[in-house]
Amino acid sequence: MIVQGNIVEIQNKRIFKGEVEVVNGKIVAVREANHNQENYILPGFIDAHIHIESSMLVPSEFAKIAVKHGTVATISDPHEIANVLGVKGVEFMIENGKKVPLKFNFGAPSCVPATSFESAGAIINADDIKLMMENPDIKYLAEMMNYPGVLFDDAEVLKKIEHAKINNKPIDGHAPGVRGDDATKYIAAGISTDHECFSYDEALEKLQKGMKVIIREGSAAKNFEALINLLPEHFQNMMFCSDDKHPDDLLLGHINQLCERAVAKGIDVFKVLQAACVNPVKHYNLDVGLLQKGDDADFILVKDLKKFKVLETYINGELVAKNGKSFVKSVPFEVLNNFNTDKKEVSDFKFESSSDKIRVIEALEGELVTNQIEADSLIVDGNLVSNTTTDVLKMTVVNRYKNDAPAIAFIKNFGLKEGAIASSVGHDSHNIIAVGVSDEAICKAVNLIIENSGGVCAVNAAKEKIVSLPVAGIMSDKPAEVIGKAYAELDEMAKQMGSTLRAPYMSLSFMALLVIPALKLSDKGLFDGTSFKFTSLEIN
């Protein structure tokens, strides 16, 4: 096979008319040649940090869509399914991913459960990590979210890190807001990346201290604008990722969108492509081609180097997508789950109180961090209830692995004026999380999730709508187009009910993520992520 176009040599900063010759999935020649093709040939895009589960698609279905956008590989942390099913869940992701051409590179989840302050469905300890690190299918130690464990020399955490070092595998970081001496110690432990920087200064400090910074632009957390101006100077030590991308967003685009935005800002296209295509291959030692003789034939054809409209995607010399059509086929797979709780009563969501003031989680658009604020209580018949006037709404996290009393908190900025929304996608333990205008609506939404053994839903007086997620309670068994459309309709219903957030379900899913400050809710109670301990809802 010979493919012609304008060949983009990223590392040599050179573009020339030429052709790529492929034999048995390998590039045997890249040479200059005269032709009248106007397209550009470049290495495929790589998402440098993603939880495939957040697309609500199993890897094989994710691949069908991603290849249309020129993605040939991912650095995938199967942390979400691991919190539900443990090592068995990781093995499911690896085996399912192997059935399609896209090159999934899975890591060993380092924090299952993410903290001891929540109930997960499984535990992955240092002994499990040792075995996983010896597995050639495991490419790295996935994000070390337990940064307090690193800073305070937790023995179990340090053992996990040591197993990665012994096997010569990179260690991914997760240290939002960690600066100064703490950042120095965290990096010195051997942790080489961070995708959690949300300010220019934080990212610059970590780059100066030798870390690689991954610019994240997902469905909820968006740090592109804050960090992109670092790229011109630090392009050799930066990458792009989506971290968490919902199915409707994935249908629209992937890493190609970030390249388009970066070039539109006037950043040198070679520097942009270094971050999007080259750096992940070098850092994680991937078996992914970089458009050089002897490489795997993993490359893409794009119409131009401004919009990056993908015309063709090749993986191992196989044409996997052309002009927006994917040739990746659906594959059969076993549906695994771990859902074991009974339906709830309205009375379960009551919170008796006589306190005038309460602590409230303030959700922030486009951020995983939250603020801790105070608000006046609204008490009816001794029960703390939602206040739609001030947009301080009741929220709950319900343990899905066993029968337990729901945890209650209040949250601002969801904006609902009626009904409730709920999800069994609740990072990181994936318990049921819901927010609503009344106890009745919250109970109805939670029970709809329980009846379906997982999903995302919206309920109001007129109707109820759910997207079922039977695979571990976090992924669909349906194709992307089906789930993407259904999810988009559900998202629209939440907005019609008053939600002002751009991605209400994605934002909701992070309100139980205790490792990101300042205030979150686990199934065990309200949690102060700054002091790393539980706190009270009532302010006495």
Protein backbone atom coordinates (compact mmCIF):
# COMPACT_ATOMS: atom_id res chain seq x y z
CA MET A 1 0.00 0.00 0.00
CA ILE A 2 1.20 3.49 -0.85
CA VAL A 3 -0.45 6.62 0.61
CA GLN A 4 0.39 10.03 -0.84
CA GLY A 5 0.14 13.52 0.65
CA ASN A 6 2.07 16.31 2.29
CA ILE A 7 4.16 14.48 4.86
CA VAL A 8 4.46 16.21 8.25
CA GLU A 9 7.76 15.38 9.97
CA ILE A 10 7.01 16.72 13.42
CA GLN A 11 10.38 16.29 15.04
CA ASN A 12 12.27 17.69 12.02
CA LYS A 13 9.73 20.53 11.65
CA ARG A 14 9.44 19.78 7.96
CA ILE A 15 6.58 19.29 5.49
CA PHE A 16 7.18 17.84 2.01
CA LYS A 17 5.27 16.22 -0.85
CA GLY A 18 5.77 12.51 -0.52
CA GLU A 19 4.40 9.05 0.03
CA VAL A 20 4.30 6.40 2.72
CA GLU A 21 4.78 2.78 1.71
CA VAL A 22 3.32 0.11 3.98
CA VAL A 23 3.99 -3.65 3.93
CA ASN A 24 2.43 -6.03 6.48
CA GLY A 25 1.36 -3.20 8.77
CA LYS A 26 4.82 -1.61 8.91
CA ILE A 27 6.16 1.52 7.21
CA VAL A 28 8.93 0.42 4.85
CA ALA A 29 9.54 3.84 3.27
CA VAL A 30 8.75 7.52 3.72
CA ARG A 31 9.98 9.36 0.66
CA GLU A 32 9.59 12.46 -1.43
CA ALA A 33 7.32 12.05 -4.45
CA ASN A 34 5.49 14.31 -6.87
CA HIS A 35 1.70 14.08 -6.92
CA ASN A 36 -1.33 16.34 -6.80
CA GLN A 37 -2.65 15.31 -3.38
CA GLU A 38 -3.37 18.29 -1.11
CA ASN A 39 -3.97 16.43 2.16
CA TYR A 40 -1.48 16.08 5.02
CA ILE A 41 -0.13 12.84 6.48
CA LEU A 42 0.86 12.85 10.14
CA PRO A 43 1.12 10.45 13.09
CA GLY A 44 -2.20 9.66 14.77
CA PHE A 45 -3.48 11.52 17.82
CA ILE A 46 -3.10 10.07 21.32
CA ASP A 47 -5.19 10.84 24.38
CA ALA A 48 -2.54 10.94 27.10
CA HIS A 49 -4.92 10.27 29.98
CA ILE A 50 -8.48 8.99 29.76
CA HIS A 51 -10.94 6.89 31.70
CA ILE A 52 -12.71 5.08 28.84
CA GLU A 53 -15.55 4.27 31.25
CA SER A 54 -16.58 7.94 31.37
CA SER A 55 -17.62 7.73 27.73
CA MET A 56 -20.20 5.19 29.01
CA LEU A 57 -18.85 2.90 26.28
CA VAL A 58 -16.83 -0.28 26.53
CA PRO A 59 -13.39 0.08 24.85
CA SER A 60 -14.45 -1.60 21.59
CA GLU A 61 -17.35 0.85 21.15
CA PHE A 62 -15.19 3.81 22.19
CA ALA A 63 -12.71 2.83 19.47
CA LYS A 64 -15.40 2.94 16.78
CA ILE A 65 -15.90 6.67 17.40
CA ALA A 66 -12.37 7.75 18.38
CA VAL A 67 -10.78 6.54 15.14
CA LYS A 68 -13.08 8.85 13.16
CA HIS A 69 -11.36 11.76 14.92
CA GLY A 70 -7.85 10.50 14.14
CA THR A 71 -7.17 8.92 17.53
CA VAL A 72 -4.97 5.83 17.17
CA ALA A 73 -4.08 5.20 20.82
CA THR A 74 -4.98 6.08 24.39
CA ILE A 75 -3.30 6.03 27.78
CA SER A 76 -6.22 4.55 29.68
CA ASP A 77 -6.66 4.33 33.43
CA PRO A 78 -9.31 1.62 34.12
CA HIS A 79 -9.68 3.05 37.62
CA GLU A 80 -13.48 3.41 37.37
CA ILE A 81 -14.31 -0.22 36.63
CA ALA A 82 -11.59 -1.30 39.07
CA ASN A 83 -13.44 0.45 41.90
CA VAL A 84 -16.49 -1.63 41.04
CA LEU A 85 -14.98 -5.00 40.08
CA GLY A 86 -11.30 -4.90 41.05
CA VAL A 87 -8.64 -6.64 38.94
CA LYS A 88 -11.39 -8.56 37.11
CA GLY A 89 -12.68 -5.24 35.78
CA VAL A 90 -9.22 -4.24 34.53
CA GLU A 91 -8.91 -7.58 32.75
CA PHE A 92 -12.31 -7.01 31.10
CA MET A 93 -11.11 -3.66 29.69
CA ILE A 94 -7.85 -5.12 28.37
CA GLU A 95 -9.50 -8.10 26.70
CA ASN A 96 -12.32 -6.06 25.18
CA GLY A 97 -9.83 -3.47 23.89
CA LYS A 98 -7.74 -6.17 22.21
CA LYS A 99 -10.66 -7.08 19.94
CA VAL A 100 -10.39 -3.83 17.95
CA PRO A 101 -7.48 -2.07 16.18
CA LEU A 102 -7.22 1.06 18.38
CA LYS A 103 -4.19 0.82 20.66
CA PHE A 104 -5.42 0.99 24.23
CA ASN A 105 -2.60 1.23 26.76
CA PHE A 106 -4.00 0.39 30.18
CA GLY A 107 -2.41 1.21 33.51
CA ALA A 108 -2.72 -0.44 36.91
CA PRO A 109 -5.13 1.62 39.05
CA SER A 110 -3.14 2.82 42.06
CA CYS A 111 -6.00 3.92 44.31
CA VAL A 112 -8.78 1.36 44.68
CA PRO A 113 -10.60 2.42 46.73
CA ALA A 114 -9.55 6.01 46.10
CA THR A 115 -9.73 6.73 49.83
CA SER A 116 -10.70 4.93 53.02
CA PHE A 117 -13.52 7.44 53.47
CA GLU A 118 -15.92 5.80 50.99
CA SER A 119 -17.29 2.36 50.12
CA ALA A 120 -16.02 0.83 46.88
CA GLY A 121 -16.80 -2.53 45.35
CA ALA A 122 -13.22 -3.79 45.45
CA ILE A 123 -9.71 -3.32 46.80
CA ILE A 124 -6.46 -3.41 44.81
CA ASN A 125 -3.53 -3.65 47.22
CA ALA A 126 0.24 -3.50 46.72
CA ASP A 127 0.42 -7.26 46.11
CA ASP A 128 -2.14 -6.93 43.32
CA ILE A 129 -0.14 -4.03 41.86
CA LYS A 130 3.02 -6.18 41.92
CA LEU A 131 1.35 -8.84 39.77
CA MET A 132 -0.18 -6.26 37.43
CA MET A 133 3.13 -4.46 36.95
CA GLU A 134 4.67 -7.75 35.81
CA ASN A 135 1.96 -8.06 33.14
CA PRO A 136 3.15 -6.74 29.71
CA ASP A 137 -0.43 -5.60 29.01
CA ILE A 138 -0.10 -3.09 31.87
CA LYS A 139 1.94 -0.13 30.65
CA TYR A 140 2.20 2.14 33.70
CA LEU A 141 1.03 2.84 37.27
CA ALA A 142 -2.09 4.92 36.87
CA GLU A 143 -2.70 8.25 38.58
CA MET A 144 -1.52 8.33 42.19
CA MET A 145 -4.51 10.22 43.57
CA ASN A 146 -3.57 9.51 47.15
CA TYR A 147 -1.08 12.38 47.23
CA PRO A 148 -1.39 12.67 51.03
CA GLY A 149 -0.20 9.04 51.15
CA VAL A 150 2.88 10.03 49.13
CA LEU A 151 3.55 13.14 51.21
CA PHE A 152 3.19 11.27 54.52
CA ASP A 153 5.16 8.19 53.40
CA ASP A 154 2.27 5.73 53.61
CA ALA A 155 3.90 2.28 53.40
CA GLU A 156 1.27 0.73 51.10
CA VAL A 157 1.43 3.68 48.68
CA LEU A 158 5.23 3.59 48.55
CA LYS A 159 5.14 -0.17 47.86
CA LYS A 160 2.89 0.37 44.85
CA ILE A 161 5.25 3.04 43.51
CA GLU A 162 8.24 0.75 44.07
CA HIS A 163 6.62 -2.07 42.05
CA ALA A 164 6.27 0.31 39.10
CA LYS A 165 9.91 1.40 39.39
CA ILE A 166 11.18 -2.20 39.57
CA ASN A 167 9.32 -2.93 36.33
CA ASN A 168 10.55 0.27 34.69
CA LYS A 169 7.06 1.60 34.12
CA PRO A 170 6.04 5.28 34.35
CA ILE A 171 3.99 6.56 37.28
CA ASP A 172 1.14 8.97 36.60
CA GLY A 173 0.27 11.75 38.99
CA HIS A 174 -2.82 13.48 40.30
CA ALA A 175 -2.01 16.40 42.58
CA PRO A 176 -4.46 19.30 42.16
CA GLY A 177 -3.13 22.44 43.84
CA VAL A 178 -0.09 20.68 45.33
CA ARG A 179 2.70 23.27 45.29
CA GLY A 180 6.03 24.15 46.89
CA ASP A 181 7.85 21.57 48.99
CA ASP A 182 4.89 19.18 48.74
CA ALA A 183 5.12 19.22 44.94
CA THR A 184 8.88 18.66 45.16
CA LYS A 185 8.42 15.61 47.40
CA TYR A 186 5.59 14.22 45.27
CA ILE A 187 7.72 14.44 42.12
CA ALA A 188 10.79 13.04 43.90
CA ALA A 189 8.79 9.89 44.68
CA GLY A 190 9.04 9.10 40.97
CA ILE A 191 5.72 10.52 39.78
CA SER A 192 6.21 11.93 36.31
CA THR A 193 2.96 13.53 35.08
CA ASP A 194 0.04 15.63 36.26
CA HIS A 195 -3.23 16.30 34.43
CA GLU A 196 -4.84 18.13 37.36
CA CYS A 197 -3.17 21.58 37.09
CA PHE A 198 -5.88 24.22 36.98
CA SER A 199 -3.70 27.35 36.96
CA TYR A 200 -0.82 28.57 34.80
CA ASP A 201 1.44 29.11 37.81
CA GLU A 202 0.84 25.62 39.22
CA ALA A 203 1.57 23.97 35.87
CA LEU A 204 4.68 26.12 35.34
CA GLU A 205 6.06 25.18 38.75
CA LYS A 206 5.55 21.46 38.06
CA LEU A 207 7.17 21.77 34.63
CA GLN A 208 10.15 23.57 36.14
CA LYS A 209 10.49 20.77 38.69
CA GLY A 210 10.71 18.14 35.94
CA MET A 211 7.14 16.95 35.65
CA LYS A 212 5.26 16.52 32.39
CA VAL A 213 2.01 18.47 32.38
CA ILE A 214 -1.01 17.12 30.51
CA ILE A 215 -3.50 19.72 29.33
CA ARG A 216 -6.97 18.40 30.11
CA GLU A 217 -10.11 19.32 28.27
CA GLY A 218 -12.93 16.93 29.13
CA SER A 219 -16.69 17.15 29.42
CA ALA A 220 -16.56 18.70 32.91
CA ALA A 221 -12.98 19.74 33.72
CA LYS A 222 -11.60 22.22 31.23
CA ASN A 223 -8.07 23.53 31.72
CA PHE A 224 -7.06 24.23 28.11
CA GLU A 225 -7.44 28.02 28.31
CA ALA A 226 -5.57 28.23 31.62
CA LEU A 227 -2.57 26.18 30.45
CA ILE A 228 -2.21 26.42 26.67
CA ASN A 229 0.10 29.45 26.75
CA LEU A 230 2.74 27.26 28.39
CA LEU A 231 2.93 25.06 25.30
CA PRO A 232 5.15 27.25 23.05
CA GLU A 233 8.03 27.09 25.54
CA HIS A 234 7.36 23.69 27.12
CA PHE A 235 6.07 21.70 24.12
CA GLN A 236 8.53 18.86 24.72
CA ASN A 237 7.06 18.19 28.16
CA MET A 238 3.32 18.63 27.58
CA MET A 239 0.55 16.41 26.24
CA PHE A 240 -3.21 16.60 25.64
CA CYS A 241 -5.92 14.56 27.34
CA SER A 242 -9.64 14.45 27.90
CA ASP A 243 -9.59 12.52 31.22
CA ASP A 244 -13.38 12.10 31.21
CA LYS A 245 -15.41 12.54 28.03
CA HIS A 246 -19.12 11.81 27.78
CA PRO A 247 -20.52 10.02 24.70
CA ASP A 248 -22.27 13.03 23.14
CA ASP A 249 -19.02 15.04 23.29
CA LEU A 250 -16.98 12.13 21.88
CA LEU A 251 -19.25 11.99 18.84
CA LEU A 252 -18.25 15.61 18.08
CA GLY A 253 -14.48 15.28 18.40
CA HIS A 254 -11.45 14.27 20.44
CA ILE A 255 -7.78 15.37 20.54
CA ASN A 256 -8.21 16.83 17.02
CA GLN A 257 -10.31 19.60 18.58
CA LEU A 258 -7.50 20.64 20.91
CA CYS A 259 -5.05 20.81 17.99
CA GLU A 260 -7.46 23.06 16.10
CA ARG A 261 -7.88 25.37 19.08
CA ALA A 262 -4.14 25.55 19.81
CA VAL A 263 -3.22 26.38 16.20
CA ALA A 264 -6.00 29.02 16.13
CA LYS A 265 -4.15 30.74 18.99
CA GLY A 266 -1.11 31.10 16.74
CA ILE A 267 0.95 28.33 18.33
CA ASP A 268 3.46 26.64 16.01
CA VAL A 269 1.75 23.59 14.49
CA PHE A 270 4.84 21.40 15.01
CA LYS A 271 4.80 22.17 18.74
CA VAL A 272 1.08 21.39 18.93
CA LEU A 273 1.55 18.06 17.15
CA GLN A 274 4.56 17.21 19.32
CA ALA A 275 2.17 17.31 22.31
CA ALA A 276 -0.69 15.55 20.53
CA CYS A 277 1.19 12.77 18.73
CA VAL A 278 4.82 12.34 19.78
CA ASN A 279 5.25 12.98 23.51
CA PRO A 280 2.87 10.24 24.75
CA VAL A 281 4.68 7.65 22.62
CA LYS A 282 8.06 8.68 24.03
CA HIS A 283 6.97 9.06 27.65
CA TYR A 284 5.00 5.81 27.93
CA ASN A 285 7.21 3.83 25.52
CA LEU A 286 4.22 2.92 23.36
CA ASP A 287 4.09 0.54 20.43
CA VAL A 288 2.67 3.31 18.27
CA GLY A 289 4.22 4.51 15.03
CA LEU A 290 5.52 8.05 14.48
CA LEU A 291 5.56 8.03 10.67
CA GLN A 292 9.12 6.77 10.39
CA LYS A 293 10.61 3.84 8.47
CA GLY A 294 10.28 0.64 10.50
CA ASP A 295 7.38 2.00 12.59
CA ASP A 296 3.91 0.51 12.86
CA ALA A 297 1.78 2.15 10.16
CA ASP A 298 -0.27 4.27 12.56
CA PHE A 299 -1.03 7.55 10.83
CA ILE A 300 -3.80 9.85 9.66
CA LEU A 301 -4.68 11.99 6.66
CA VAL A 302 -6.13 15.41 7.43
CA LYS A 303 -7.50 18.02 5.06
CA ASP A 304 -5.35 20.83 6.48
CA LEU A 305 -3.29 21.82 9.52
CA LYS A 306 -5.83 24.32 10.82
CA LYS A 307 -9.13 22.50 11.27
CA PHE A 308 -7.55 18.99 11.30
CA LYS A 309 -10.56 17.46 9.59
CA VAL A 310 -9.67 13.76 9.53
CA LEU A 311 -10.03 12.10 6.12
CA GLU A 312 -8.50 8.69 6.87
CA THR A 313 -7.13 6.86 9.91
CA TYR A 314 -4.73 3.91 9.66
CA ILE A 315 -3.68 1.60 12.50
CA ASN A 316 -1.09 -1.09 11.74
CA GLY A 317 -1.67 -0.29 8.07
CA GLU A 318 -5.40 -1.01 8.31
CA LEU A 319 -7.82 1.70 7.15
CA VAL A 320 -10.07 2.01 10.23
CA ALA A 321 -11.95 5.22 9.35
CA LYS A 322 -12.59 7.29 6.23
CA ASN A 323 -14.52 10.54 5.74
CA GLY A 324 -16.37 10.22 9.05
CA LYS A 325 -17.21 6.53 8.63
CA SER A 326 -15.71 4.01 11.03
CA PHE A 327 -14.78 0.51 9.91
CA VAL A 328 -14.32 -0.78 13.47
CA LYS A 329 -16.92 -3.46 14.12
CA SER A 330 -18.90 -4.12 17.31
CA VAL A 331 -17.77 -7.22 19.19
CA PRO A 332 -19.62 -9.47 21.66
CA PHE A 333 -18.72 -9.26 25.36
CA GLU A 334 -19.88 -10.49 28.75
CA VAL A 335 -21.83 -7.98 30.86
CA LEU A 336 -20.28 -7.78 34.36
CA ASN A 337 -21.76 -5.82 37.27
CA ASN A 338 -21.72 -5.37 41.04
CA PHE A 339 -24.98 -3.87 42.29
CA ASN A 340 -26.43 -4.98 45.59
CA THR A 341 -28.77 -2.56 47.34
CA ASP A 342 -32.55 -2.47 47.88
CA LYS A 343 -34.90 0.31 46.83
CA LYS A 344 -35.21 3.24 49.25
CA GLU A 345 -38.08 5.00 51.03
CA VAL A 346 -38.70 8.76 50.92
CA SER A 347 -38.08 8.87 54.68
CA ASP A 348 -34.51 7.64 54.08
CA PHE A 349 -33.64 11.05 52.62
CA LYS A 350 -34.91 13.13 55.54
CA PHE A 351 -32.35 15.04 57.60
CA GLU A 352 -33.69 16.22 60.94
CA SER A 353 -32.17 19.51 62.03
CA SER A 354 -32.76 22.74 63.92
CA SER A 355 -29.55 24.42 62.71
CA ASP A 356 -29.83 27.92 61.19
CA LYS A 357 -26.81 27.47 58.91
CA ILE A 358 -25.44 24.60 56.83
CA ARG A 359 -22.23 23.84 54.94
CA VAL A 360 -22.86 23.75 51.21
CA ILE A 361 -20.87 22.37 48.28
CA GLU A 362 -20.52 25.05 45.61
CA ALA A 363 -20.13 23.38 42.21
CA LEU A 364 -18.02 25.34 39.72
CA GLU A 365 -18.58 25.29 35.97
CA GLY A 366 -15.77 23.48 34.15
CA GLU A 367 -13.94 22.50 37.34
CA LEU A 368 -13.67 19.38 39.50
CA VAL A 369 -12.71 21.49 42.51
CA THR A 370 -15.57 22.90 44.57
CA ASN A 371 -15.90 25.66 47.13
CA GLN A 372 -17.18 25.27 50.68
CA ILE A 373 -19.77 27.93 51.46
CA GLU A 374 -22.40 28.57 54.13
CA ALA A 375 -26.12 28.98 53.54
CA ASP A 376 -29.29 29.55 55.54
CA SER A 377 -31.21 26.38 56.35
CA LEU A 378 -34.68 25.74 55.00
CA ILE A 379 -36.43 23.48 57.51
CA VAL A 380 -39.93 22.05 57.00
CA ASP A 381 -41.40 19.90 59.79
CA GLY A 382 -37.93 19.49 61.28
CA ASN A 383 -36.45 18.26 57.97
CA LEU A 384 -33.73 20.11 56.05
CA VAL A 385 -35.07 20.51 52.50
CA SER A 386 -34.01 21.94 49.13
CA ASN A 387 -34.36 25.68 48.56
CA THR A 388 -34.97 26.31 44.85
CA THR A 389 -35.13 30.09 45.46
CA THR A 390 -31.49 30.24 46.59
CA ASP A 391 -30.51 27.19 44.47
CA VAL A 392 -29.31 25.22 47.51
CA LEU A 393 -30.50 21.70 46.72
CA LYS A 394 -30.43 18.46 48.66
CA MET A 395 -27.96 15.88 47.43
CA THR A 396 -27.41 12.26 48.37
CA VAL A 397 -24.87 9.48 47.91
CA VAL A 398 -26.29 5.98 48.35
CA ASN A 399 -24.06 2.91 48.81
CA ARG A 400 -24.77 0.57 45.89
CA TYR A 401 -22.75 -2.37 47.20
CA LYS A 402 -24.84 -2.98 50.33
CA ASN A 403 -27.90 -1.64 52.16
CA ASP A 404 -26.96 1.45 54.13
CA ALA A 405 -28.48 4.78 55.10
CA PRO A 406 -28.05 7.45 52.39
CA ALA A 407 -25.58 10.26 53.10
CA ILE A 408 -27.03 13.76 52.79
CA ALA A 409 -25.52 17.12 51.81
CA PHE A 410 -26.54 20.32 50.02
CA ILE A 411 -25.17 21.76 46.79
CA LYS A 412 -25.35 25.06 44.95
CA ASN A 413 -25.28 25.83 41.19
CA PHE A 414 -27.19 22.84 39.85
CA GLY A 415 -30.15 25.13 39.26
CA LEU A 416 -32.92 22.51 39.15
CA LYS A 417 -36.41 23.96 39.55
CA GLU A 418 -38.23 20.62 39.43
CA GLY A 419 -37.58 16.92 39.81
CA ALA A 420 -34.21 15.25 40.36
CA ILE A 421 -31.28 13.77 38.46
CA ALA A 422 -29.26 10.73 39.53
CA SER A 423 -26.36 8.58 38.39
CA SER A 424 -24.44 5.44 39.32
CA VAL A 425 -21.41 7.09 37.70
CA GLY A 426 -20.03 8.68 40.85
CA HIS A 427 -16.26 9.01 40.95
CA ASP A 428 -14.49 7.13 42.24
CA SER A 429 -16.43 4.41 44.00
CA HIS A 430 -19.48 4.69 41.74
CA ASN A 431 -22.13 4.71 44.37
CA ILE A 432 -25.46 6.31 43.45
CA ILE A 433 -25.42 10.10 43.49
CA ALA A 434 -28.49 12.31 43.13
CA VAL A 435 -29.61 15.92 43.49
CA GLY A 436 -33.17 17.20 43.47
CA VAL A 437 -35.78 19.70 44.59
CA SER A 438 -37.58 17.33 47.01
CA ASP A 439 -37.03 14.14 48.97
CA GLU A 440 -39.76 12.48 46.89
CA ALA A 441 -38.05 13.32 43.59
CA ILE A 442 -34.63 12.24 44.91
CA CYS A 443 -36.05 8.91 46.11
CA LYS A 444 -37.77 8.31 42.76
CA ALA A 445 -34.53 8.98 40.84
CA VAL A 446 -32.40 6.80 43.14
CA ASN A 447 -34.86 3.90 42.86
CA LEU A 448 -34.89 4.16 39.07
CA ILE A 449 -31.10 3.68 39.11
CA ILE A 450 -31.41 0.70 41.50
CA GLU A 451 -34.13 -0.95 39.35
CA ASN A 452 -31.83 -0.77 36.33
CA SER A 453 -28.66 -1.88 38.19
CA GLY A 454 -27.01 1.35 37.08
CA GLY A 455 -27.50 4.28 34.77
CA VAL A 456 -28.10 8.02 34.57
CA CYS A 457 -31.61 9.39 34.89
CA ALA A 458 -33.89 12.39 35.24
CA VAL A 459 -37.35 12.42 36.81
CA ASN A 460 -40.07 15.03 37.24
CA ALA A 461 -43.84 15.00 37.76
CA ALA A 462 -44.53 14.35 34.07
CA LYS A 463 -41.94 11.75 33.10
CA GLU A 464 -38.86 9.74 33.93
CA LYS A 465 -35.98 9.01 31.57
CA ILE A 466 -33.00 6.71 32.07
CA VAL A 467 -29.94 5.63 30.11
CA SER A 468 -29.20 2.16 31.50
CA LEU A 469 -25.55 1.29 32.17
CA PRO A 470 -25.51 -2.46 32.86
CA VAL A 471 -21.71 -2.93 32.46
CA ALA A 472 -20.40 -2.36 36.00
CA GLY A 473 -23.18 0.22 36.41
CA ILE A 474 -21.01 2.72 34.50
CA MET A 475 -20.97 1.60 30.84
CA SER A 476 -23.58 0.74 28.24
CA ASP A 477 -23.86 -2.47 26.25
CA LYS A 478 -25.06 -0.42 23.27
CA PRO A 479 -23.21 1.30 20.38
CA ALA A 480 -21.96 4.86 20.73
CA GLU A 481 -24.51 6.41 18.39
CA VAL A 482 -27.39 4.95 20.43
CA ILE A 483 -25.95 5.88 23.81
CA GLY A 484 -24.77 9.28 22.59
CA LYS A 485 -28.23 10.24 21.35
CA ALA A 486 -29.97 8.91 24.48
CA TYR A 487 -27.50 10.71 26.73
CA ALA A 488 -27.92 13.99 24.81
CA GLU A 489 -31.70 13.75 25.28
CA LEU A 490 -31.26 13.12 29.00
CA ASP A 491 -28.85 16.05 29.27
CA GLU A 492 -31.45 18.25 27.57
CA MET A 493 -34.15 17.10 30.02
CA ALA A 494 -31.94 18.07 32.98
CA LYS A 495 -31.48 21.52 31.44
CA GLN A 496 -35.21 21.88 30.79
CA MET A 497 -35.68 21.14 34.50
CA GLY A 498 -33.50 24.18 35.22
CA SER A 499 -29.89 22.99 35.37
CA THR A 500 -27.56 25.76 34.27
CA LEU A 501 -24.44 23.59 34.08
CA ARG A 502 -22.97 22.79 30.66
CA ALA A 503 -22.61 19.10 31.56
CA PRO A 504 -24.83 18.47 34.60
CA TYR A 505 -24.28 14.69 34.75
CA MET A 506 -20.53 14.95 34.35
CA SER A 507 -20.42 17.60 37.08
CA LEU A 508 -22.67 15.48 39.30
CA SER A 509 -20.41 12.46 38.88
CA PHE A 510 -17.49 14.36 40.46
CA MET A 511 -19.34 15.60 43.55
CA ALA A 512 -18.32 12.41 45.38
CA LEU A 513 -14.65 12.66 44.30
CA LEU A 514 -13.08 13.16 47.72
CA VAL A 515 -9.48 13.54 46.52
CA ILE A 516 -10.31 16.89 44.89
CA PRO A 517 -11.07 19.73 47.33
CA ALA A 518 -12.78 21.51 48.88
CA LEU A 519 -16.08 19.90 49.92
CA LYS A 520 -17.52 16.62 48.60
CA LEU A 521 -19.96 13.91 49.70
CA SER A 522 -19.24 10.19 50.04
CA ASP A 523 -21.66 7.44 51.04
CA LYS A 524 -20.20 7.83 54.55
CA GLY A 525 -20.76 11.58 54.89
CA LEU A 526 -19.71 15.13 54.06
CA PHE A 527 -15.96 15.35 53.45
CA ASP A 528 -13.53 18.25 53.68
CA GLY A 529 -10.98 17.59 50.92
CA THR A 530 -8.65 20.29 52.21
CA SER A 531 -8.17 18.85 55.71
CA PHE A 532 -8.90 15.31 54.41
CA LYS A 533 -11.47 14.44 57.05
CA PHE A 534 -15.22 14.33 57.55
CA THR A 535 -17.09 17.46 58.53
CA SER A 536 -20.63 18.26 59.65
CA LEU A 537 -23.47 19.45 57.45
CA GLU A 538 -24.84 21.62 60.25
CA ILE A 539 -22.97 24.69 61.47
CA ASN A 540 -23.67 25.11 65.17
